C-alpha atoms as a PDB file:
ATOM      1  CA  UNK A   1    -116.270 -57.010-134.420  1.00  0.00           C
ATOM      2  CA  UNK A   2    -115.993 -55.156-131.270  1.00  0.00           C
ATOM      3  CA  UNK A   3    -112.543 -55.790-129.343  1.00  0.00           C
ATOM      4  CA  UNK A   4    -113.066 -57.532-126.271  1.00  0.00           C
ATOM      5  CA  UNK A   5    -112.126 -55.174-123.234  1.00  0.00           C
ATOM      6  CA  UNK A   6    -110.313 -56.096-120.186  1.00  0.00           C
ATOM      7  CA  UNK A   7    -112.272 -55.368-116.748  1.00  0.00           C
ATOM      8  CA  UNK A   8    -109.029 -54.864-114.940  1.00  0.00           C
ATOM      9  CA  UNK A   9    -108.136 -51.951-117.136  1.00  0.00           C
ATOM     10  CA  UNK A  10    -111.595 -49.741-116.168  1.00  0.00           C
ATOM     11  CA  UNK A  11    -111.181 -47.146-113.862  1.00  0.00           C
ATOM     12  CA  UNK A  12    -111.998 -48.436-110.312  1.00  0.00           C
ATOM     13  CA  UNK A  13    -112.074 -52.239-111.222  1.00  0.00           C
ATOM     14  CA  UNK A  14    -109.342 -54.672-109.754  1.00  0.00           C
ATOM     15  CA  UNK A  15    -108.989 -57.946-109.576  1.00  0.00           C
ATOM     16  CA  UNK A  16    -109.790 -59.100-105.857  1.00  0.00           C
ATOM     17  CA  UNK A  17    -106.474 -60.652-104.815  1.00  0.00           C
ATOM     18  CA  UNK A  18    -104.258 -57.932-106.577  1.00  0.00           C
ATOM     19  CA  UNK A  19    -103.784 -54.362-105.414  1.00  0.00           C
ATOM     20  CA  UNK A  20    -105.137 -51.152-107.969  1.00  0.00           C
ATOM     21  CA  UNK A  21    -102.760 -50.497-109.836  1.00  0.00           C
ATOM     22  CA  UNK A  22    -104.640 -47.687-111.503  1.00  0.00           C
ATOM     23  CA  UNK A  23    -105.670 -46.113-108.244  1.00  0.00           C
ATOM     24  CA  UNK A  24    -104.318 -42.083-108.355  1.00  0.00           C
ATOM     25  CA  UNK A  25    -101.022 -41.318-106.362  1.00  0.00           C
ATOM     26  CA  UNK A  26    -101.693 -40.877-102.339  1.00  0.00           C
ATOM     27  CA  UNK A  27    -100.150 -38.867-100.026  1.00  0.00           C
ATOM     28  CA  UNK A  28     -97.042 -40.609 -98.462  1.00  0.00           C
ATOM     29  CA  UNK A  29     -97.109 -41.341 -95.164  1.00  0.00           C
ATOM     30  CA  UNK A  30     -93.612 -40.861 -93.867  1.00  0.00           C
ATOM     31  CA  UNK A  31     -93.267 -44.204 -93.334  1.00  0.00           C
ATOM     32  CA  UNK A  32     -91.815 -46.174 -96.225  1.00  0.00           C
ATOM     33  CA  UNK A  33     -93.454 -49.437 -94.804  1.00  0.00           C
ATOM     34  CA  UNK A  34     -97.141 -48.113 -94.618  1.00  0.00           C
ATOM     35  CA  UNK A  35     -96.713 -46.622 -97.887  1.00  0.00           C
ATOM     36  CA  UNK A  36     -95.922 -49.717 -99.335  1.00  0.00           C
ATOM     37  CA  UNK A  37     -99.082 -51.659 -98.355  1.00  0.00           C
ATOM     38  CA  UNK A  38    -101.274 -48.043 -99.228  1.00  0.00           C
ATOM     39  CA  UNK A  39    -102.805 -48.445-102.784  1.00  0.00           C
ATOM     40  CA  UNK A  40    -100.907 -45.332-104.566  1.00  0.00           C
ATOM     41  CA  UNK A  41     -98.129 -45.312-102.229  1.00  0.00           C
ATOM     42  CA  UNK A  42     -99.227 -43.146 -99.691  1.00  0.00           C
ATOM     43  CA  UNK A  43    -103.040 -41.741 -97.981  1.00  0.00           C
ATOM     44  CA  UNK A  44    -105.420 -41.275-100.605  1.00  0.00           C
ATOM     45  CA  UNK A  45    -107.015 -37.759-102.171  1.00  0.00           C
ATOM     46  CA  UNK A  46    -110.175 -37.700-103.099  1.00  0.00           C
ATOM     47  CA  UNK A  47    -111.632 -40.312-100.892  1.00  0.00           C
ATOM     48  CA  UNK A  48    -112.867 -41.607 -97.250  1.00  0.00           C
ATOM     49  CA  UNK A  49    -110.085 -42.869 -94.996  1.00  0.00           C
ATOM     50  CA  UNK A  50    -111.483 -44.563 -91.661  1.00  0.00           C
ATOM     51  CA  UNK A  51    -108.485 -45.086 -89.073  1.00  0.00           C
ATOM     52  CA  UNK A  52    -110.105 -47.756 -85.905  1.00  0.00           C
ATOM     53  CA  UNK A  53    -107.997 -47.628 -82.606  1.00  0.00           C
ATOM     54  CA  UNK A  54    -108.498 -48.954 -79.299  1.00  0.00           C
ATOM     55  CA  UNK A  55    -108.334 -46.108 -77.798  1.00  0.00           C
ATOM     56  CA  UNK A  56    -107.212 -42.214 -77.902  1.00  0.00           C
ATOM     57  CA  UNK A  57    -103.899 -40.877 -77.691  1.00  0.00           C
ATOM     58  CA  UNK A  58    -102.225 -44.016 -79.318  1.00  0.00           C
ATOM     59  CA  UNK A  59    -100.144 -42.159 -81.492  1.00  0.00           C
ATOM     60  CA  UNK A  60    -102.630 -42.871 -84.399  1.00  0.00           C
ATOM     61  CA  UNK A  61    -102.872 -39.109 -85.476  1.00  0.00           C
ATOM     62  CA  UNK A  62     -98.775 -39.144 -85.923  1.00  0.00           C
ATOM     63  CA  UNK A  63     -99.328 -41.486 -89.192  1.00  0.00           C
ATOM     64  CA  UNK A  64    -100.779 -38.760 -90.986  1.00  0.00           C
ATOM     65  CA  UNK A  65     -97.968 -36.181 -90.110  1.00  0.00           C
ATOM     66  CA  UNK A  66     -96.198 -36.882 -93.299  1.00  0.00           C
ATOM     67  CA  UNK A  67     -99.073 -36.451 -95.300  1.00  0.00           C
ATOM     68  CA  UNK A  68    -100.438 -33.165 -93.327  1.00  0.00           C
ATOM     69  CA  UNK A  69     -97.446 -31.623 -93.821  1.00  0.00           C
ATOM     70  CA  UNK A  70     -97.215 -32.185 -97.945  1.00  0.00           C
ATOM     71  CA  UNK A  71    -100.809 -30.699 -97.870  1.00  0.00           C
ATOM     72  CA  UNK A  72     -99.634 -27.549 -96.044  1.00  0.00           C
ATOM     73  CA  UNK A  73     -96.585 -27.115 -98.312  1.00  0.00           C
ATOM     74  CA  UNK A  74     -99.484 -26.990-101.071  1.00  0.00           C
ATOM     75  CA  UNK A  75    -100.593 -23.922 -99.555  1.00  0.00           C
ATOM     76  CA  UNK A  76    -104.205 -25.476 -98.314  1.00  0.00           C
ATOM     77  CA  UNK A  77    -105.701 -25.764 -94.817  1.00  0.00           C
ATOM     78  CA  UNK A  78    -105.164 -28.690 -92.186  1.00  0.00           C
ATOM     79  CA  UNK A  79    -108.869 -29.082 -90.522  1.00  0.00           C
ATOM     80  CA  UNK A  80    -109.233 -31.032 -87.426  1.00  0.00           C
ATOM     81  CA  UNK A  81    -113.103 -31.171 -86.698  1.00  0.00           C
ATOM     82  CA  UNK A  82    -114.157 -32.215 -83.148  1.00  0.00           C
ATOM     83  CA  UNK A  83    -110.775 -33.806 -82.299  1.00  0.00           C
ATOM     84  CA  UNK A  84    -111.326 -35.435 -78.517  1.00  0.00           C
ATOM     85  CA  UNK A  85    -108.569 -32.763 -77.401  1.00  0.00           C
ATOM     86  CA  UNK A  86    -106.496 -29.779 -78.912  1.00  0.00           C
ATOM     87  CA  UNK A  87    -103.759 -31.108 -81.264  1.00  0.00           C
ATOM     88  CA  UNK A  88    -100.361 -30.881 -79.341  1.00  0.00           C
ATOM     89  CA  UNK A  89     -98.497 -27.904 -81.447  1.00  0.00           C
ATOM     90  CA  UNK A  90     -95.188 -28.969 -80.496  1.00  0.00           C
ATOM     91  CA  UNK A  91     -95.517 -32.394 -82.197  1.00  0.00           C
ATOM     92  CA  UNK A  92     -96.847 -30.655 -85.545  1.00  0.00           C
ATOM     93  CA  UNK A  93     -94.323 -28.031 -85.504  1.00  0.00           C
ATOM     94  CA  UNK A  94     -91.341 -30.575 -85.122  1.00  0.00           C
ATOM     95  CA  UNK A  95     -92.889 -32.907 -88.219  1.00  0.00           C
ATOM     96  CA  UNK A  96     -93.003 -29.916 -89.971  1.00  0.00           C
ATOM     97  CA  UNK A  97     -96.634 -28.965 -90.156  1.00  0.00           C
ATOM     98  CA  UNK A  98     -97.054 -25.165 -90.350  1.00  0.00           C
ATOM     99  CA  UNK A  99     -99.362 -24.364 -87.367  1.00  0.00           C
ATOM    100  CA  UNK A 100    -100.844 -21.153 -89.764  1.00  0.00           C
ATOM    101  CA  UNK A 101    -102.435 -23.918 -91.350  1.00  0.00           C
ATOM    102  CA  UNK A 102    -104.268 -25.563 -88.861  1.00  0.00           C
ATOM    103  CA  UNK A 103    -107.998 -25.093 -88.216  1.00  0.00           C
ATOM    104  CA  UNK A 104    -109.485 -26.512 -85.364  1.00  0.00           C
ATOM    105  CA  UNK A 105    -113.368 -26.629 -85.210  1.00  0.00           C
ATOM    106  CA  UNK A 106    -115.100 -26.884 -82.045  1.00  0.00           C
ATOM    107  CA  UNK A 107    -118.878 -27.635 -83.489  1.00  0.00           C
ATOM    108  CA  UNK A 108    -121.674 -26.913 -81.034  1.00  0.00           C
ATOM    109  CA  UNK A 109    -123.848 -30.251 -81.462  1.00  0.00           C
ATOM    110  CA  UNK A 110    -123.369 -33.325 -83.491  1.00  0.00           C
ATOM    111  CA  UNK A 111    -125.105 -32.112 -86.537  1.00  0.00           C
ATOM    112  CA  UNK A 112    -122.987 -29.375 -86.467  1.00  0.00           C
ATOM    113  CA  UNK A 113    -119.840 -31.639 -86.574  1.00  0.00           C
ATOM    114  CA  UNK A 114    -120.946 -33.731 -89.577  1.00  0.00           C
ATOM    115  CA  UNK A 115    -121.874 -30.437 -91.553  1.00  0.00           C
ATOM    116  CA  UNK A 116    -118.546 -28.741 -90.549  1.00  0.00           C
ATOM    117  CA  UNK A 117    -116.967 -31.898 -91.859  1.00  0.00           C
ATOM    118  CA  UNK A 118    -119.232 -31.853 -94.897  1.00  0.00           C
ATOM    119  CA  UNK A 119    -118.112 -28.204 -95.495  1.00  0.00           C
ATOM    120  CA  UNK A 120    -114.735 -28.771 -94.941  1.00  0.00           C
ATOM    121  CA  UNK A 121    -114.376 -31.466 -97.476  1.00  0.00           C
ATOM    122  CA  UNK A 122    -116.334 -29.826-100.316  1.00  0.00           C
ATOM    123  CA  UNK A 123    -114.886 -26.253 -99.893  1.00  0.00           C
ATOM    124  CA  UNK A 124    -111.666 -26.968-101.886  1.00  0.00           C
ATOM    125  CA  UNK A 125    -109.594 -24.826 -99.525  1.00  0.00           C
ATOM    126  CA  UNK A 126    -108.661 -28.112 -97.075  1.00  0.00           C
ATOM    127  CA  UNK A 127    -105.758 -30.464 -97.983  1.00  0.00           C
ATOM    128  CA  UNK A 128    -106.932 -32.370 -95.787  1.00  0.00           C
ATOM    129  CA  UNK A 129    -109.813 -32.849 -92.999  1.00  0.00           C
ATOM    130  CA  UNK A 130    -109.401 -35.108 -89.792  1.00  0.00           C
ATOM    131  CA  UNK A 131    -112.644 -35.465 -87.989  1.00  0.00           C
ATOM    132  CA  UNK A 132    -114.229 -37.454 -84.760  1.00  0.00           C
ATOM    133  CA  UNK A 133    -118.231 -37.858 -85.438  1.00  0.00           C
ATOM    134  CA  UNK A 134    -120.921 -39.401 -83.165  1.00  0.00           C
ATOM    135  CA  UNK A 135    -120.605 -42.957 -82.420  1.00  0.00           C
ATOM    136  CA  UNK A 136    -124.157 -43.829 -84.271  1.00  0.00           C
ATOM    137  CA  UNK A 137    -123.027 -41.710 -87.520  1.00  0.00           C
ATOM    138  CA  UNK A 138    -125.028 -43.719 -90.207  1.00  0.00           C
ATOM    139  CA  UNK A 139    -124.143 -44.930 -93.616  1.00  0.00           C
ATOM    140  CA  UNK A 140    -125.492 -42.158 -95.054  1.00  0.00           C
ATOM    141  CA  UNK A 141    -123.888 -39.459 -93.706  1.00  0.00           C
ATOM    142  CA  UNK A 142    -120.496 -41.352 -94.351  1.00  0.00           C
ATOM    143  CA  UNK A 143    -121.369 -41.738 -97.953  1.00  0.00           C
ATOM    144  CA  UNK A 144    -122.318 -38.095 -98.276  1.00  0.00           C
ATOM    145  CA  UNK A 145    -118.747 -37.292 -96.471  1.00  0.00           C
ATOM    146  CA  UNK A 146    -117.435 -40.161 -99.412  1.00  0.00           C
ATOM    147  CA  UNK A 147    -118.921 -37.601-101.929  1.00  0.00           C
ATOM    148  CA  UNK A 148    -117.688 -34.921-100.449  1.00  0.00           C
ATOM    149  CA  UNK A 149    -113.854 -35.875-100.061  1.00  0.00           C
ATOM    150  CA  UNK A 150    -114.267 -36.515-103.975  1.00  0.00           C
ATOM    151  CA  UNK A 151    -115.480 -32.902-104.862  1.00  0.00           C
ATOM    152  CA  UNK A 152    -112.935 -31.440-102.915  1.00  0.00           C
ATOM    153  CA  UNK A 153    -109.892 -33.648-103.863  1.00  0.00           C
ATOM    154  CA  UNK A 154    -109.212 -33.798 -99.746  1.00  0.00           C
ATOM    155  CA  UNK A 155    -107.803 -36.244 -97.781  1.00  0.00           C
ATOM    156  CA  UNK A 156    -110.521 -37.198 -95.535  1.00  0.00           C
ATOM    157  CA  UNK A 157    -110.098 -39.459 -92.168  1.00  0.00           C
ATOM    158  CA  UNK A 158    -112.378 -40.533 -89.758  1.00  0.00           C
ATOM    159  CA  UNK A 159    -111.250 -41.358 -86.414  1.00  0.00           C
ATOM    160  CA  UNK A 160    -113.723 -43.910 -84.765  1.00  0.00           C
ATOM    161  CA  UNK A 161    -113.108 -47.159 -82.083  1.00  0.00           C
ATOM    162  CA  UNK A 162    -112.608 -50.291 -83.234  1.00  0.00           C
ATOM    163  CA  UNK A 163    -115.722 -51.739 -82.243  1.00  0.00           C
ATOM    164  CA  UNK A 164    -116.942 -49.888 -85.989  1.00  0.00           C
ATOM    165  CA  UNK A 165    -115.041 -52.712 -87.499  1.00  0.00           C
ATOM    166  CA  UNK A 166    -118.673 -54.389 -87.760  1.00  0.00           C
ATOM    167  CA  UNK A 167    -119.765 -51.745 -89.518  1.00  0.00           C
ATOM    168  CA  UNK A 168    -120.228 -51.324 -93.195  1.00  0.00           C
ATOM    169  CA  UNK A 169    -118.609 -48.131 -94.322  1.00  0.00           C
ATOM    170  CA  UNK A 170    -118.062 -46.396 -98.129  1.00  0.00           C
ATOM    171  CA  UNK A 171    -114.475 -46.039 -96.745  1.00  0.00           C
ATOM    172  CA  UNK A 172    -112.054 -46.590 -99.476  1.00  0.00           C
ATOM    173  CA  UNK A 173    -109.501 -47.645 -96.923  1.00  0.00           C
ATOM    174  CA  UNK A 174    -109.966 -48.784 -93.303  1.00  0.00           C
ATOM    175  CA  UNK A 175    -106.801 -49.064 -90.927  1.00  0.00           C
ATOM    176  CA  UNK A 176    -107.060 -50.600 -87.503  1.00  0.00           C
ATOM    177  CA  UNK A 177    -104.488 -49.238 -85.213  1.00  0.00           C
ATOM    178  CA  UNK A 178    -103.187 -50.929 -81.745  1.00  0.00           C
ATOM    179  CA  UNK A 179    -100.575 -49.805 -79.898  1.00  0.00           C
ATOM    180  CA  UNK A 180     -97.986 -52.396 -78.137  1.00  0.00           C
ATOM    181  CA  UNK A 181     -94.617 -51.670 -76.265  1.00  0.00           C
ATOM    182  CA  UNK A 182     -93.910 -48.514 -78.115  1.00  0.00           C
ATOM    183  CA  UNK A 183     -95.056 -49.336 -81.491  1.00  0.00           C
ATOM    184  CA  UNK A 184     -97.840 -49.435 -83.499  1.00  0.00           C
ATOM    185  CA  UNK A 185     -99.226 -52.129 -85.339  1.00  0.00           C
ATOM    186  CA  UNK A 186    -101.695 -51.240 -88.497  1.00  0.00           C
ATOM    187  CA  UNK A 187    -103.569 -54.108 -90.052  1.00  0.00           C
ATOM    188  CA  UNK A 188    -105.854 -53.101 -93.318  1.00  0.00           C
ATOM    189  CA  UNK A 189    -109.142 -55.065 -93.574  1.00  0.00           C
ATOM    190  CA  UNK A 190    -110.239 -53.067 -96.089  1.00  0.00           C
ATOM    191  CA  UNK A 191    -108.317 -51.535 -98.913  1.00  0.00           C
ATOM    192  CA  UNK A 192    -108.437 -51.191-103.204  1.00  0.00           C
ATOM    193  CA  UNK A 193    -106.867 -54.834-102.992  1.00  0.00           C
ATOM    194  CA  UNK A 194    -106.517 -58.048-100.480  1.00  0.00           C
ATOM    195  CA  UNK A 195    -107.118 -57.346 -97.126  1.00  0.00           C
ATOM    196  CA  UNK A 196    -103.506 -56.530 -95.063  1.00  0.00           C
ATOM    197  CA  UNK A 197    -104.378 -58.809 -91.892  1.00  0.00           C
ATOM    198  CA  UNK A 198    -101.142 -59.267 -90.549  1.00  0.00           C
ATOM    199  CA  UNK A 199    -100.471 -56.219 -88.843  1.00  0.00           C
ATOM    200  CA  UNK A 200     -97.129 -54.074 -89.567  1.00  0.00           C
ATOM    201  CA  UNK A 201     -95.188 -52.851 -86.759  1.00  0.00           C
ATOM    202  CA  UNK A 202     -94.244 -48.733 -86.865  1.00  0.00           C
ATOM    203  CA  UNK A 203     -92.132 -47.253 -84.462  1.00  0.00           C
ATOM    204  CA  UNK A 204     -93.269 -43.850 -83.393  1.00  0.00           C
ATOM    205  CA  UNK A 205     -90.729 -41.024 -83.645  1.00  0.00           C
ATOM    206  CA  UNK A 206     -89.148 -40.136 -80.359  1.00  0.00           C
ATOM    207  CA  UNK A 207     -90.847 -42.556 -78.081  1.00  0.00           C
ATOM    208  CA  UNK A 208     -89.349 -45.535 -76.275  1.00  0.00           C
ATOM    209  CA  UNK A 209     -90.135 -48.567 -76.077  1.00  0.00           C
ATOM    210  CA  UNK A 210     -92.640 -49.140 -73.161  1.00  0.00           C
ATOM    211  CA  UNK A 211     -94.407 -51.482 -71.118  1.00  0.00           C
ATOM    212  CA  UNK A 212     -97.974 -52.532 -71.317  1.00  0.00           C
ATOM    213  CA  UNK A 213     -99.225 -50.342 -68.099  1.00  0.00           C
ATOM    214  CA  UNK A 214     -97.067 -47.187 -69.442  1.00  0.00           C
ATOM    215  CA  UNK A 215     -99.708 -44.872 -70.610  1.00  0.00           C
ATOM    216  CA  UNK A 216    -101.320 -45.439 -66.934  1.00  0.00           C
ATOM    217  CA  UNK A 217     -99.170 -42.541 -65.800  1.00  0.00           C
ATOM    218  CA  UNK A 218     -99.628 -40.052 -68.213  1.00  0.00           C
ATOM    219  CA  UNK A 219    -101.797 -37.645 -67.535  1.00  0.00           C
ATOM    220  CA  UNK A 220    -105.751 -37.296 -67.562  1.00  0.00           C
ATOM    221  CA  UNK A 221    -106.899 -36.873 -70.827  1.00  0.00           C
ATOM    222  CA  UNK A 222    -103.731 -36.459 -72.733  1.00  0.00           C
ATOM    223  CA  UNK A 223    -103.717 -36.382 -76.463  1.00  0.00           C
ATOM    224  CA  UNK A 224    -100.736 -38.157 -78.091  1.00  0.00           C
ATOM    225  CA  UNK A 225     -99.303 -37.650 -81.697  1.00  0.00           C
ATOM    226  CA  UNK A 226     -95.739 -38.708 -82.747  1.00  0.00           C
ATOM    227  CA  UNK A 227     -94.436 -39.460 -78.830  1.00  0.00           C
ATOM    228  CA  UNK A 228     -95.858 -36.181 -77.468  1.00  0.00           C
ATOM    229  CA  UNK A 229     -98.307 -35.430 -74.854  1.00  0.00           C
ATOM    230  CA  UNK A 230    -101.107 -32.728 -75.558  1.00  0.00           C
ATOM    231  CA  UNK A 231    -102.888 -31.156 -72.679  1.00  0.00           C
ATOM    232  CA  UNK A 232    -106.028 -32.301 -71.970  1.00  0.00           C
ATOM    233  CA  UNK A 233    -108.458 -29.483 -71.453  1.00  0.00           C
ATOM    234  CA  UNK A 234    -108.707 -28.720 -74.843  1.00  0.00           C
ATOM    235  CA  UNK A 235    -111.001 -25.498 -74.415  1.00  0.00           C
ATOM    236  CA  UNK A 236    -112.179 -23.148 -77.174  1.00  0.00           C
ATOM    237  CA  UNK A 237    -108.915 -20.809 -77.586  1.00  0.00           C
ATOM    238  CA  UNK A 238    -107.320 -22.173 -74.833  1.00  0.00           C
ATOM    239  CA  UNK A 239    -103.612 -22.852 -75.206  1.00  0.00           C
ATOM    240  CA  UNK A 240    -101.991 -26.027 -75.727  1.00  0.00           C
ATOM    241  CA  UNK A 241     -98.570 -26.117 -73.512  1.00  0.00           C
ATOM    242  CA  UNK A 242     -96.096 -28.680 -73.489  1.00  0.00           C
ATOM    243  CA  UNK A 243     -95.659 -30.623 -70.367  1.00  0.00           C
ATOM    244  CA  UNK A 244     -92.055 -31.528 -70.896  1.00  0.00           C
ATOM    245  CA  UNK A 245     -90.527 -28.288 -71.317  1.00  0.00           C
ATOM    246  CA  UNK A 246     -91.112 -28.007 -75.199  1.00  0.00           C
ATOM    247  CA  UNK A 247     -90.459 -24.689 -77.095  1.00  0.00           C
ATOM    248  CA  UNK A 248     -93.571 -22.300 -75.653  1.00  0.00           C
ATOM    249  CA  UNK A 249     -92.679 -19.903 -78.950  1.00  0.00           C
ATOM    250  CA  UNK A 250     -95.184 -22.904 -80.877  1.00  0.00           C
ATOM    251  CA  UNK A 251     -97.268 -24.166 -78.630  1.00  0.00           C
ATOM    252  CA  UNK A 252    -100.614 -22.492 -79.601  1.00  0.00           C
ATOM    253  CA  UNK A 253    -103.251 -23.773 -81.935  1.00  0.00           C
ATOM    254  CA  UNK A 254    -106.326 -21.576 -82.841  1.00  0.00           C
ATOM    255  CA  UNK A 255    -110.187 -23.063 -82.258  1.00  0.00           C
ATOM    256  CA  UNK A 256    -112.869 -21.949 -83.658  1.00  0.00           C
ATOM    257  CA  UNK A 257    -116.182 -22.919 -81.985  1.00  0.00           C
ATOM    258  CA  UNK A 258    -118.995 -22.908 -84.912  1.00  0.00           C
ATOM    259  CA  UNK A 259    -122.482 -23.352 -85.091  1.00  0.00           C
ATOM    260  CA  UNK A 260    -124.563 -24.172 -88.724  1.00  0.00           C
ATOM    261  CA  UNK A 261    -127.079 -21.955 -87.923  1.00  0.00           C
ATOM    262  CA  UNK A 262    -124.701 -18.726 -87.433  1.00  0.00           C
ATOM    263  CA  UNK A 263    -122.164 -20.057 -90.316  1.00  0.00           C
ATOM    264  CA  UNK A 264    -125.225 -19.260 -92.092  1.00  0.00           C
ATOM    265  CA  UNK A 265    -126.652 -16.697 -90.337  1.00  0.00           C
ATOM    266  CA  UNK A 266    -123.087 -14.967 -91.533  1.00  0.00           C
ATOM    267  CA  UNK A 267    -122.975 -15.649 -94.858  1.00  0.00           C
END
């Protein structure tokens, strides 16, 4: 007589009202309160994560600094694919993310951005890939990226506007980030377990409490991470200089413009 198996013990199965305790260990974010709410105790490897935000430069990227430092220490690269602006090198260096582990990819087209993300995830060389894709990226492409992340065991993070919350997604984890008075408020409308609908608050390191109009005084096109501001020109190969007297010895990131057809021709 066959024994009855508890479905909750099967891989990838969990009770809706409970956290999935069988999920593999995640990569600590560096924020203990957030890690308590993330299945696996950190950002997940080998699956797609979406970070939804109500505007660029809130400090949303800083939520990943702890994980980026960890994957770089493993000897794996960190790919930044189609970021809206050049990442702020002093903030990365201050967080312990080595700049020589970072690769900023400037795709020539929307199609190349999708291809670049897929290749970075599948390669296995990248421990993390952060990407900003066209707003109308379809479910089929997102599913492909989810499978690519599984194949490469890569931390895959897609940044999308908050309006994307109304769209279905194959991502295993979806975080919604808002900003108020110098703090980030994070809810988890989708995770392996019950959604976290009451936001948790995280102070952005190095940034004082701010009023609701404080971001209006920032330079046009500023890109904030961990309380620092990045230059907004973001051109291919252009240096990213500190606007607040940061260390000039650690203020540049290499960028790479890429075309899918050119890459295939050189392979």
